[in-house]
Amino acid sequence: MSQDIFELIEEQTQSNDPSTIEELVLDKSKIGKFTEEIKKKLESFPNLTSLSLNECEITSLENFPKLPKLIRVELIDNKITGQQLKHLLHLSELQSLSLGGNLIKNLKEIDVLQQLPKLFQLDFLNNDVAQDPEYRDYVFSTLKGLGILDNYDSKGQEVQYDDEDDEDVRCFLFFNAFLNSY
């Protein structure tokens, strides 16, 4: 079942030195959960800063790889519940987390993300929690350093970016992290 993810990794890395790889896009690899084999393979990329696992049918974040330089994670359109968020807390450098289209249902499930001090951008679009009338106020008041929620800043201004702007967004996140460190 998880062979597909290893093929995607090989295609993207082309047997290059793992320490030179900074980004992996493993969308639609249908992994379900993080086996020891998947975890070990992903942890072999010590300088990975961006990991995309959209539409992978992920149901559990237990055993999520320890990637000390990871600043951006995309987990859109999976089957992740709010109880699974605790398995991301070891990602101390994480600044951008996209969890749109999952099974996160209530506001209290988000509280655990307070333990990610550099988190600046968060996406919960198409989760039940985003329908709560208190959602935006609650998230911004709970996650003090958050600057962007569902592509809107704390003042309700839309933040627009696309793939071409990806590098600009990364620079913005880095700059914000730099400012927040002082």
N, C-alpha and C. Protein backbone atom coordinates (compact mmCIF):
# COMPACT_ATOMS: atom_id res chain seq x y z
N MET A 1 0.83 -1.21 0.00
CA MET A 1 0.00 0.00 0.00
C MET A 1 0.86 1.26 0.00
N SER A 2 1.96 1.27 0.71
CA SER A 2 2.77 2.48 0.79
C SER A 2 3.90 2.52 -0.23
N GLN A 3 4.00 1.55 -1.10
CA GLN A 3 5.04 1.56 -2.13
C GLN A 3 4.97 2.83 -2.96
N ASP A 4 3.78 3.30 -3.22
CA ASP A 4 3.58 4.50 -4.02
C ASP A 4 4.36 5.69 -3.47
N ILE A 5 4.39 5.84 -2.15
CA ILE A 5 5.10 6.98 -1.55
C ILE A 5 6.61 6.87 -1.80
N PHE A 6 7.13 5.68 -1.78
CA PHE A 6 8.55 5.49 -2.02
C PHE A 6 8.92 5.78 -3.48
N GLU A 7 8.01 5.43 -4.38
CA GLU A 7 8.22 5.76 -5.80
C GLU A 7 8.21 7.27 -6.01
N LEU A 8 7.27 7.95 -5.37
CA LEU A 8 7.21 9.42 -5.48
C LEU A 8 8.48 10.06 -4.93
N ILE A 9 8.94 9.58 -3.81
CA ILE A 9 10.17 10.12 -3.22
C ILE A 9 11.34 9.92 -4.17
N GLU A 10 11.45 8.73 -4.73
CA GLU A 10 12.55 8.44 -5.66
C GLU A 10 12.47 9.34 -6.90
N GLU A 11 11.26 9.53 -7.43
CA GLU A 11 11.09 10.40 -8.60
C GLU A 11 11.56 11.82 -8.30
N GLN A 12 11.22 12.32 -7.12
CA GLN A 12 11.54 13.71 -6.78
C GLN A 12 12.98 13.91 -6.35
N THR A 13 13.57 12.92 -5.75
CA THR A 13 14.94 13.09 -5.25
C THR A 13 15.98 12.60 -6.24
N GLN A 14 15.60 11.70 -7.14
CA GLN A 14 16.49 11.16 -8.17
C GLN A 14 17.83 10.72 -7.58
N SER A 15 17.75 10.07 -6.46
CA SER A 15 18.94 9.54 -5.77
C SER A 15 19.96 10.61 -5.40
N ASN A 16 19.53 11.86 -5.30
CA ASN A 16 20.43 12.92 -4.84
C ASN A 16 20.72 12.74 -3.36
N ASP A 17 21.76 13.40 -2.89
CA ASP A 17 22.11 13.37 -1.48
C ASP A 17 20.89 13.85 -0.67
N PRO A 18 20.39 13.03 0.25
CA PRO A 18 19.20 13.42 1.03
C PRO A 18 19.34 14.76 1.75
N SER A 19 20.55 15.15 2.11
CA SER A 19 20.72 16.42 2.82
C SER A 19 20.51 17.64 1.92
N THR A 20 20.39 17.42 0.61
CA THR A 20 20.16 18.54 -0.31
C THR A 20 18.68 18.74 -0.62
N ILE A 21 17.83 17.84 -0.16
CA ILE A 21 16.39 17.90 -0.45
C ILE A 21 15.69 18.77 0.58
N GLU A 22 14.99 19.80 0.12
CA GLU A 22 14.28 20.71 1.03
C GLU A 22 12.76 20.61 0.91
N GLU A 23 12.27 20.02 -0.16
CA GLU A 23 10.82 19.95 -0.37
C GLU A 23 10.44 18.61 -0.99
N LEU A 24 9.35 18.03 -0.48
CA LEU A 24 8.76 16.84 -1.06
C LEU A 24 7.27 17.04 -1.20
N VAL A 25 6.75 16.71 -2.38
CA VAL A 25 5.32 16.76 -2.64
C VAL A 25 4.89 15.33 -2.90
N LEU A 26 4.22 14.74 -1.91
CA LEU A 26 3.84 13.33 -1.96
C LEU A 26 2.33 13.16 -2.01
N ASP A 27 1.66 14.11 -2.62
CA ASP A 27 0.21 14.11 -2.71
C ASP A 27 -0.32 12.84 -3.39
N LYS A 28 -1.48 12.41 -2.93
CA LYS A 28 -2.21 11.27 -3.48
C LYS A 28 -1.46 9.95 -3.37
N SER A 29 -0.57 9.83 -2.38
CA SER A 29 0.19 8.59 -2.25
C SER A 29 -0.53 7.51 -1.42
N LYS A 30 -1.70 7.81 -0.88
CA LYS A 30 -2.55 6.83 -0.19
C LYS A 30 -1.83 6.04 0.89
N ILE A 31 -1.17 6.76 1.80
CA ILE A 31 -0.40 6.06 2.84
C ILE A 31 -1.25 5.63 4.04
N GLY A 32 -2.31 6.34 4.33
CA GLY A 32 -3.17 5.98 5.45
C GLY A 32 -2.62 6.37 6.80
N LYS A 33 -1.47 5.82 7.14
CA LYS A 33 -0.81 6.16 8.40
C LYS A 33 0.70 6.07 8.20
N PHE A 34 1.44 6.57 9.17
CA PHE A 34 2.90 6.61 9.08
C PHE A 34 3.50 5.35 9.70
N THR A 35 3.90 4.44 8.85
CA THR A 35 4.57 3.23 9.32
C THR A 35 6.00 3.61 9.71
N GLU A 36 6.67 2.71 10.39
CA GLU A 36 8.07 2.93 10.75
C GLU A 36 8.92 3.12 9.49
N GLU A 37 8.59 2.38 8.44
CA GLU A 37 9.34 2.46 7.18
C GLU A 37 9.18 3.84 6.53
N ILE A 38 7.95 4.35 6.51
CA ILE A 38 7.70 5.68 5.94
C ILE A 38 8.38 6.75 6.79
N LYS A 39 8.24 6.63 8.10
CA LYS A 39 8.86 7.60 9.01
C LYS A 39 10.37 7.64 8.81
N LYS A 40 10.98 6.48 8.77
CA LYS A 40 12.44 6.40 8.61
C LYS A 40 12.88 7.01 7.28
N LYS A 41 12.14 6.73 6.21
CA LYS A 41 12.49 7.28 4.90
C LYS A 41 12.40 8.80 4.90
N LEU A 42 11.33 9.35 5.44
CA LEU A 42 11.17 10.80 5.48
C LEU A 42 12.21 11.46 6.38
N GLU A 43 12.56 10.81 7.48
CA GLU A 43 13.56 11.35 8.39
C GLU A 43 14.97 11.31 7.79
N SER A 44 15.13 10.63 6.67
CA SER A 44 16.44 10.60 6.02
C SER A 44 16.73 11.90 5.26
N PHE A 45 15.77 12.84 5.26
CA PHE A 45 15.94 14.15 4.63
C PHE A 45 16.03 15.22 5.73
N PRO A 46 17.20 15.40 6.32
CA PRO A 46 17.35 16.24 7.51
C PRO A 46 17.11 17.73 7.26
N ASN A 47 17.17 18.18 6.02
CA ASN A 47 16.98 19.60 5.71
C ASN A 47 15.65 19.90 5.05
N LEU A 48 14.72 18.96 5.16
CA LEU A 48 13.39 19.15 4.58
C LEU A 48 12.69 20.30 5.28
N THR A 49 12.23 21.28 4.51
CA THR A 49 11.51 22.43 5.08
C THR A 49 10.04 22.43 4.69
N SER A 50 9.68 21.70 3.64
CA SER A 50 8.30 21.69 3.17
C SER A 50 7.90 20.27 2.78
N LEU A 51 6.75 19.83 3.32
CA LEU A 51 6.25 18.49 3.06
C LEU A 51 4.77 18.57 2.75
N SER A 52 4.40 18.08 1.58
CA SER A 52 3.00 18.08 1.16
C SER A 52 2.50 16.64 1.08
N LEU A 53 1.43 16.37 1.83
CA LEU A 53 0.80 15.05 1.88
C LEU A 53 -0.71 15.20 1.71
N ASN A 54 -1.12 15.90 0.68
CA ASN A 54 -2.53 16.12 0.41
C ASN A 54 -3.15 14.89 -0.24
N GLU A 55 -4.39 14.60 0.12
CA GLU A 55 -5.16 13.49 -0.46
C GLU A 55 -4.43 12.15 -0.35
N CYS A 56 -3.88 11.88 0.82
CA CYS A 56 -3.15 10.63 1.06
C CYS A 56 -3.95 9.64 1.92
N GLU A 57 -5.22 9.95 2.18
CA GLU A 57 -6.08 9.11 3.01
C GLU A 57 -5.50 8.88 4.41
N ILE A 58 -4.81 9.89 4.92
CA ILE A 58 -4.20 9.78 6.25
C ILE A 58 -5.28 9.84 7.32
N THR A 59 -5.27 8.85 8.19
CA THR A 59 -6.22 8.78 9.30
C THR A 59 -5.54 9.01 10.64
N SER A 60 -4.21 8.84 10.67
CA SER A 60 -3.47 8.99 11.91
C SER A 60 -2.16 9.73 11.65
N LEU A 61 -1.84 10.65 12.57
CA LEU A 61 -0.56 11.36 12.51
C LEU A 61 0.44 10.77 13.50
N GLU A 62 0.03 9.72 14.19
CA GLU A 62 0.96 9.04 15.08
C GLU A 62 2.15 8.57 14.25
N ASN A 63 3.33 8.72 14.79
CA ASN A 63 4.56 8.32 14.11
C ASN A 63 4.95 9.32 13.00
N PHE A 64 4.38 10.54 13.06
CA PHE A 64 4.76 11.56 12.07
C PHE A 64 6.27 11.80 12.20
N PRO A 65 6.98 11.87 11.08
CA PRO A 65 8.44 11.96 11.16
C PRO A 65 8.95 13.19 11.90
N LYS A 66 10.07 13.01 12.55
CA LYS A 66 10.76 14.11 13.24
C LYS A 66 11.67 14.78 12.22
N LEU A 67 11.27 15.95 11.81
CA LEU A 67 12.00 16.72 10.79
C LEU A 67 12.27 18.10 11.38
N PRO A 68 13.44 18.30 11.97
CA PRO A 68 13.72 19.50 12.76
C PRO A 68 13.67 20.83 12.01
N LYS A 69 13.78 20.81 10.69
CA LYS A 69 13.78 22.07 9.93
C LYS A 69 12.47 22.31 9.19
N LEU A 70 11.50 21.45 9.41
CA LEU A 70 10.22 21.54 8.70
C LEU A 70 9.47 22.80 9.13
N ILE A 71 9.16 23.66 8.16
CA ILE A 71 8.41 24.88 8.46
C ILE A 71 7.02 24.88 7.82
N ARG A 72 6.81 23.97 6.87
CA ARG A 72 5.53 23.96 6.16
C ARG A 72 5.05 22.53 5.95
N VAL A 73 3.80 22.27 6.38
CA VAL A 73 3.19 20.96 6.20
C VAL A 73 1.80 21.15 5.61
N GLU A 74 1.53 20.41 4.54
CA GLU A 74 0.19 20.40 3.94
C GLU A 74 -0.39 19.00 4.12
N LEU A 75 -1.56 18.95 4.73
CA LEU A 75 -2.27 17.69 4.98
C LEU A 75 -3.74 17.86 4.56
N ILE A 76 -3.96 18.46 3.43
CA ILE A 76 -5.31 18.80 2.96
C ILE A 76 -6.01 17.56 2.41
N ASP A 77 -7.32 17.49 2.66
CA ASP A 77 -8.19 16.43 2.15
C ASP A 77 -7.72 15.03 2.56
N ASN A 78 -7.54 14.86 3.85
CA ASN A 78 -7.26 13.56 4.44
C ASN A 78 -8.41 13.21 5.37
N LYS A 79 -8.18 12.36 6.33
CA LYS A 79 -9.21 11.94 7.28
C LYS A 79 -8.70 12.11 8.70
N ILE A 80 -8.11 13.27 8.95
CA ILE A 80 -7.45 13.56 10.22
C ILE A 80 -8.44 14.20 11.19
N THR A 81 -8.51 13.67 12.40
CA THR A 81 -9.36 14.24 13.44
C THR A 81 -8.53 15.18 14.32
N GLY A 82 -9.21 15.96 15.12
CA GLY A 82 -8.54 16.89 16.02
C GLY A 82 -7.65 16.21 17.04
N GLN A 83 -8.00 14.99 17.44
CA GLN A 83 -7.18 14.26 18.41
C GLN A 83 -5.79 13.94 17.84
N GLN A 84 -5.65 13.95 16.55
CA GLN A 84 -4.37 13.60 15.92
C GLN A 84 -3.38 14.76 15.91
N LEU A 85 -3.83 15.98 16.14
CA LEU A 85 -2.96 17.15 16.06
C LEU A 85 -1.79 17.09 17.05
N LYS A 86 -1.97 16.42 18.16
CA LYS A 86 -0.91 16.32 19.17
C LYS A 86 0.34 15.65 18.62
N HIS A 87 0.21 14.88 17.57
CA HIS A 87 1.36 14.18 16.99
C HIS A 87 2.23 15.08 16.11
N LEU A 88 1.88 16.36 16.02
CA LEU A 88 2.68 17.32 15.26
C LEU A 88 3.49 18.24 16.17
N LEU A 89 3.34 18.11 17.46
CA LEU A 89 3.93 19.06 18.40
C LEU A 89 5.45 19.03 18.45
N HIS A 90 6.07 18.02 17.96
CA HIS A 90 7.54 17.96 17.93
C HIS A 90 8.11 18.82 16.78
N LEU A 91 7.26 19.37 15.94
CA LEU A 91 7.71 20.20 14.81
C LEU A 91 7.87 21.64 15.29
N SER A 92 8.90 21.88 16.06
CA SER A 92 9.07 23.17 16.75
C SER A 92 9.31 24.35 15.81
N GLU A 93 9.72 24.11 14.58
CA GLU A 93 9.95 25.20 13.63
C GLU A 93 8.75 25.45 12.72
N LEU A 94 7.69 24.68 12.88
CA LEU A 94 6.53 24.75 11.99
C LEU A 94 5.89 26.13 12.00
N GLN A 95 5.74 26.71 10.80
CA GLN A 95 5.15 28.03 10.64
C GLN A 95 3.85 28.00 9.86
N SER A 96 3.70 27.01 8.98
CA SER A 96 2.54 26.95 8.10
C SER A 96 1.97 25.54 8.12
N LEU A 97 0.69 25.43 8.48
CA LEU A 97 0.03 24.13 8.60
C LEU A 97 -1.32 24.19 7.89
N SER A 98 -1.47 23.38 6.87
CA SER A 98 -2.71 23.34 6.10
C SER A 98 -3.43 22.03 6.35
N LEU A 99 -4.61 22.13 6.96
CA LEU A 99 -5.40 20.96 7.33
C LEU A 99 -6.82 21.02 6.76
N GLY A 100 -7.00 21.76 5.67
CA GLY A 100 -8.32 21.88 5.07
C GLY A 100 -8.87 20.52 4.65
N GLY A 101 -10.19 20.38 4.73
CA GLY A 101 -10.83 19.16 4.26
C GLY A 101 -10.56 17.93 5.09
N ASN A 102 -10.49 18.09 6.39
CA ASN A 102 -10.29 16.95 7.29
C ASN A 102 -11.49 16.80 8.22
N LEU A 103 -11.31 16.16 9.34
CA LEU A 103 -12.42 15.84 10.25
C LEU A 103 -12.29 16.54 11.60
N ILE A 104 -11.80 17.77 11.59
CA ILE A 104 -11.61 18.52 12.83
C ILE A 104 -12.95 19.20 13.14
N LYS A 105 -13.49 18.87 14.32
CA LYS A 105 -14.88 19.24 14.60
C LYS A 105 -15.09 20.36 15.59
N ASN A 106 -14.28 20.46 16.65
CA ASN A 106 -14.59 21.48 17.64
C ASN A 106 -13.38 22.33 18.00
N LEU A 107 -13.68 23.49 18.56
CA LEU A 107 -12.66 24.49 18.85
C LEU A 107 -11.60 23.99 19.83
N LYS A 108 -11.99 23.26 20.84
CA LYS A 108 -11.04 22.80 21.85
C LYS A 108 -9.95 21.91 21.26
N GLU A 109 -10.24 21.24 20.15
CA GLU A 109 -9.24 20.38 19.51
C GLU A 109 -8.06 21.18 18.98
N ILE A 110 -8.28 22.46 18.75
CA ILE A 110 -7.24 23.33 18.20
C ILE A 110 -6.27 23.79 19.29
N ASP A 111 -6.70 23.76 20.54
CA ASP A 111 -5.89 24.28 21.65
C ASP A 111 -4.47 23.72 21.68
N VAL A 112 -4.31 22.46 21.33
CA VAL A 112 -3.00 21.81 21.38
C VAL A 112 -1.97 22.53 20.50
N LEU A 113 -2.43 23.23 19.48
CA LEU A 113 -1.51 23.92 18.57
C LEU A 113 -0.83 25.13 19.22
N GLN A 114 -1.27 25.51 20.41
CA GLN A 114 -0.59 26.57 21.16
C GLN A 114 0.87 26.20 21.43
N GLN A 115 1.15 24.92 21.39
CA GLN A 115 2.51 24.43 21.68
C GLN A 115 3.44 24.52 20.47
N LEU A 116 2.94 25.10 19.38
CA LEU A 116 3.78 25.34 18.20
C LEU A 116 4.03 26.85 18.14
N PRO A 117 5.08 27.32 18.79
CA PRO A 117 5.27 28.76 18.99
C PRO A 117 5.51 29.58 17.72
N LYS A 118 5.94 28.95 16.65
CA LYS A 118 6.23 29.70 15.42
C LYS A 118 5.12 29.62 14.39
N LEU A 119 4.02 28.95 14.74
CA LEU A 119 2.91 28.78 13.80
C LEU A 119 2.32 30.14 13.44
N PHE A 120 2.33 30.46 12.15
CA PHE A 120 1.86 31.75 11.67
C PHE A 120 0.69 31.63 10.71
N GLN A 121 0.67 30.57 9.92
CA GLN A 121 -0.39 30.36 8.94
C GLN A 121 -1.07 29.03 9.21
N LEU A 122 -2.40 29.03 9.23
CA LEU A 122 -3.17 27.84 9.54
C LEU A 122 -4.38 27.78 8.62
N ASP A 123 -4.71 26.59 8.16
CA ASP A 123 -5.86 26.40 7.27
C ASP A 123 -6.71 25.26 7.79
N PHE A 124 -7.97 25.57 8.10
CA PHE A 124 -8.95 24.58 8.50
C PHE A 124 -10.18 24.61 7.60
N LEU A 125 -10.07 25.20 6.42
CA LEU A 125 -11.20 25.26 5.50
C LEU A 125 -11.79 23.87 5.28
N ASN A 126 -13.10 23.81 5.14
CA ASN A 126 -13.82 22.56 4.89
C ASN A 126 -13.66 21.53 6.00
N ASN A 127 -13.52 22.02 7.23
CA ASN A 127 -13.61 21.21 8.44
C ASN A 127 -14.85 21.71 9.19
N ASP A 128 -15.50 20.84 9.92
CA ASP A 128 -16.68 21.26 10.69
C ASP A 128 -16.37 22.42 11.63
N VAL A 129 -15.17 22.43 12.21
CA VAL A 129 -14.81 23.46 13.17
C VAL A 129 -14.91 24.87 12.55
N ALA A 130 -14.65 25.00 11.28
CA ALA A 130 -14.66 26.30 10.62
C ALA A 130 -16.08 26.87 10.49
N GLN A 131 -17.09 26.05 10.75
CA GLN A 131 -18.48 26.51 10.69
C GLN A 131 -18.95 27.14 12.00
N ASP A 132 -18.20 26.95 13.06
CA ASP A 132 -18.57 27.49 14.37
C ASP A 132 -18.54 29.02 14.29
N PRO A 133 -19.59 29.70 14.76
CA PRO A 133 -19.62 31.17 14.68
C PRO A 133 -18.49 31.85 15.45
N GLU A 134 -17.94 31.19 16.45
CA GLU A 134 -16.85 31.75 17.25
C GLU A 134 -15.45 31.38 16.71
N TYR A 135 -15.43 30.63 15.65
CA TYR A 135 -14.19 30.04 15.12
C TYR A 135 -13.04 31.03 14.96
N ARG A 136 -13.20 32.04 14.16
CA ARG A 136 -12.09 32.97 13.87
C ARG A 136 -11.60 33.67 15.12
N ASP A 137 -12.52 34.21 15.90
CA ASP A 137 -12.12 34.89 17.14
C ASP A 137 -11.41 33.94 18.09
N TYR A 138 -11.94 32.73 18.21
CA TYR A 138 -11.36 31.75 19.12
C TYR A 138 -9.94 31.39 18.68
N VAL A 139 -9.75 31.09 17.42
CA VAL A 139 -8.44 30.65 16.94
C VAL A 139 -7.41 31.76 17.10
N PHE A 140 -7.76 32.99 16.70
CA PHE A 140 -6.79 34.09 16.82
C PHE A 140 -6.49 34.43 18.28
N SER A 141 -7.46 34.28 19.17
CA SER A 141 -7.18 34.57 20.58
C SER A 141 -6.42 33.43 21.26
N THR A 142 -6.61 32.22 20.79
CA THR A 142 -5.93 31.07 21.38
C THR A 142 -4.50 30.94 20.86
N LEU A 143 -4.31 31.14 19.58
CA LEU A 143 -2.98 31.01 18.95
C LEU A 143 -2.44 32.41 18.72
N LYS A 144 -1.80 32.95 19.73
CA LYS A 144 -1.40 34.37 19.77
C LYS A 144 -0.51 34.81 18.61
N GLY A 145 0.38 33.95 18.12
CA GLY A 145 1.29 34.34 17.05
C GLY A 145 0.73 34.15 15.66
N LEU A 146 -0.49 33.64 15.56
CA LEU A 146 -1.08 33.36 14.26
C LEU A 146 -1.35 34.64 13.49
N GLY A 147 -0.98 34.66 12.23
CA GLY A 147 -1.20 35.83 11.38
C GLY A 147 -2.19 35.60 10.26
N ILE A 148 -2.31 34.33 9.81
CA ILE A 148 -3.20 34.00 8.69
C ILE A 148 -4.01 32.76 9.06
N LEU A 149 -5.32 32.87 8.92
CA LEU A 149 -6.23 31.74 9.15
C LEU A 149 -7.13 31.62 7.93
N ASP A 150 -7.08 30.48 7.28
CA ASP A 150 -7.91 30.23 6.10
C ASP A 150 -7.78 31.32 5.05
N ASN A 151 -6.55 31.76 4.83
CA ASN A 151 -6.21 32.77 3.82
C ASN A 151 -6.70 34.18 4.14
N TYR A 152 -6.99 34.44 5.41
CA TYR A 152 -7.36 35.79 5.86
C TYR A 152 -6.51 36.15 7.07
N ASP A 153 -6.10 37.40 7.14
CA ASP A 153 -5.33 37.83 8.31
C ASP A 153 -6.28 38.10 9.47
N SER A 154 -5.74 38.50 10.59
CA SER A 154 -6.55 38.70 11.80
C SER A 154 -7.53 39.85 11.67
N LYS A 155 -7.31 40.73 10.71
CA LYS A 155 -8.23 41.85 10.48
C LYS A 155 -9.28 41.52 9.43
N GLY A 156 -9.26 40.30 8.90
CA GLY A 156 -10.24 39.89 7.92
C GLY A 156 -9.86 40.21 6.48
N GLN A 157 -8.62 40.64 6.26
CA GLN A 157 -8.15 40.94 4.91
C GLN A 157 -7.67 39.66 4.25
N GLU A 158 -8.12 39.42 3.02
CA GLU A 158 -7.72 38.22 2.31
C GLU A 158 -6.24 38.28 1.93
N VAL A 159 -5.57 37.18 2.14
CA VAL A 159 -4.17 37.03 1.75
C VAL A 159 -4.18 36.15 0.51
N GLN A 160 -3.82 36.71 -0.62
CA GLN A 160 -3.86 35.96 -1.87
C GLN A 160 -2.46 35.54 -2.27
N TYR A 161 -2.36 34.29 -2.64
CA TYR A 161 -1.10 33.75 -3.15
C TYR A 161 -1.41 32.50 -3.95
N ASP A 162 -0.56 32.22 -4.90
CA ASP A 162 -0.69 31.01 -5.69
C ASP A 162 0.68 30.37 -5.79
N ASP A 163 0.80 29.35 -6.62
CA ASP A 163 2.07 28.63 -6.73
C ASP A 163 3.22 29.53 -7.14
N GLU A 164 2.94 30.52 -8.00
CA GLU A 164 3.99 31.43 -8.43
C GLU A 164 4.49 32.29 -7.27
N ASP A 165 3.61 32.53 -6.31
CA ASP A 165 3.97 33.35 -5.16
C ASP A 165 4.54 32.51 -4.02
N ASP A 166 4.69 31.23 -4.22
CA ASP A 166 5.11 30.33 -3.15
C ASP A 166 6.40 30.81 -2.48
N GLU A 167 7.37 31.23 -3.26
CA GLU A 167 8.63 31.70 -2.69
C GLU A 167 8.42 32.97 -1.88
N ASP A 168 7.54 33.86 -2.37
CA ASP A 168 7.23 35.08 -1.62
C ASP A 168 6.59 34.75 -0.27
N VAL A 169 5.68 33.77 -0.28
CA VAL A 169 5.02 33.37 0.97
C VAL A 169 6.05 32.82 1.93
N ARG A 170 6.95 31.97 1.43
CA ARG A 170 7.99 31.42 2.28
C ARG A 170 8.85 32.52 2.88
N CYS A 171 9.22 33.50 2.06
CA CYS A 171 10.02 34.62 2.56
C CYS A 171 9.25 35.38 3.63
N PHE A 172 7.95 35.57 3.39
CA PHE A 172 7.11 36.26 4.37
C PHE A 172 7.09 35.49 5.68
N LEU A 173 6.93 34.17 5.61
CA LEU A 173 6.90 33.35 6.82
C LEU A 173 8.24 33.42 7.55
N PHE A 174 9.34 33.36 6.80
CA PHE A 174 10.66 33.47 7.41
C PHE A 174 10.82 34.83 8.08
N PHE A 175 10.41 35.90 7.39
CA PHE A 175 10.54 37.23 7.93
C PHE A 175 9.71 37.37 9.21
N ASN A 176 8.49 36.84 9.17
CA ASN A 176 7.64 36.90 10.36
C ASN A 176 8.27 36.14 11.52
N ALA A 177 8.83 34.97 11.23
CA ALA A 177 9.48 34.19 12.28
C ALA A 177 10.66 34.97 12.86
N PHE A 178 11.38 35.67 12.00
CA PHE A 178 12.51 36.47 12.46
C PHE A 178 12.02 37.58 13.39
N LEU A 179 10.95 38.27 12.99
CA LEU A 179 10.41 39.34 13.83
C LEU A 179 9.89 38.82 15.15
N ASN A 180 9.24 37.65 15.11
CA ASN A 180 8.69 37.08 16.34
C ASN A 180 9.76 36.57 17.29
N SER A 181 10.98 36.39 16.79
CA SER A 181 12.03 35.91 17.66
C SER A 181 12.63 37.04 18.52
N TYR A 182 12.25 38.26 18.24
CA TYR A 182 12.75 39.39 19.03
C TYR A 182 11.70 39.97 19.93
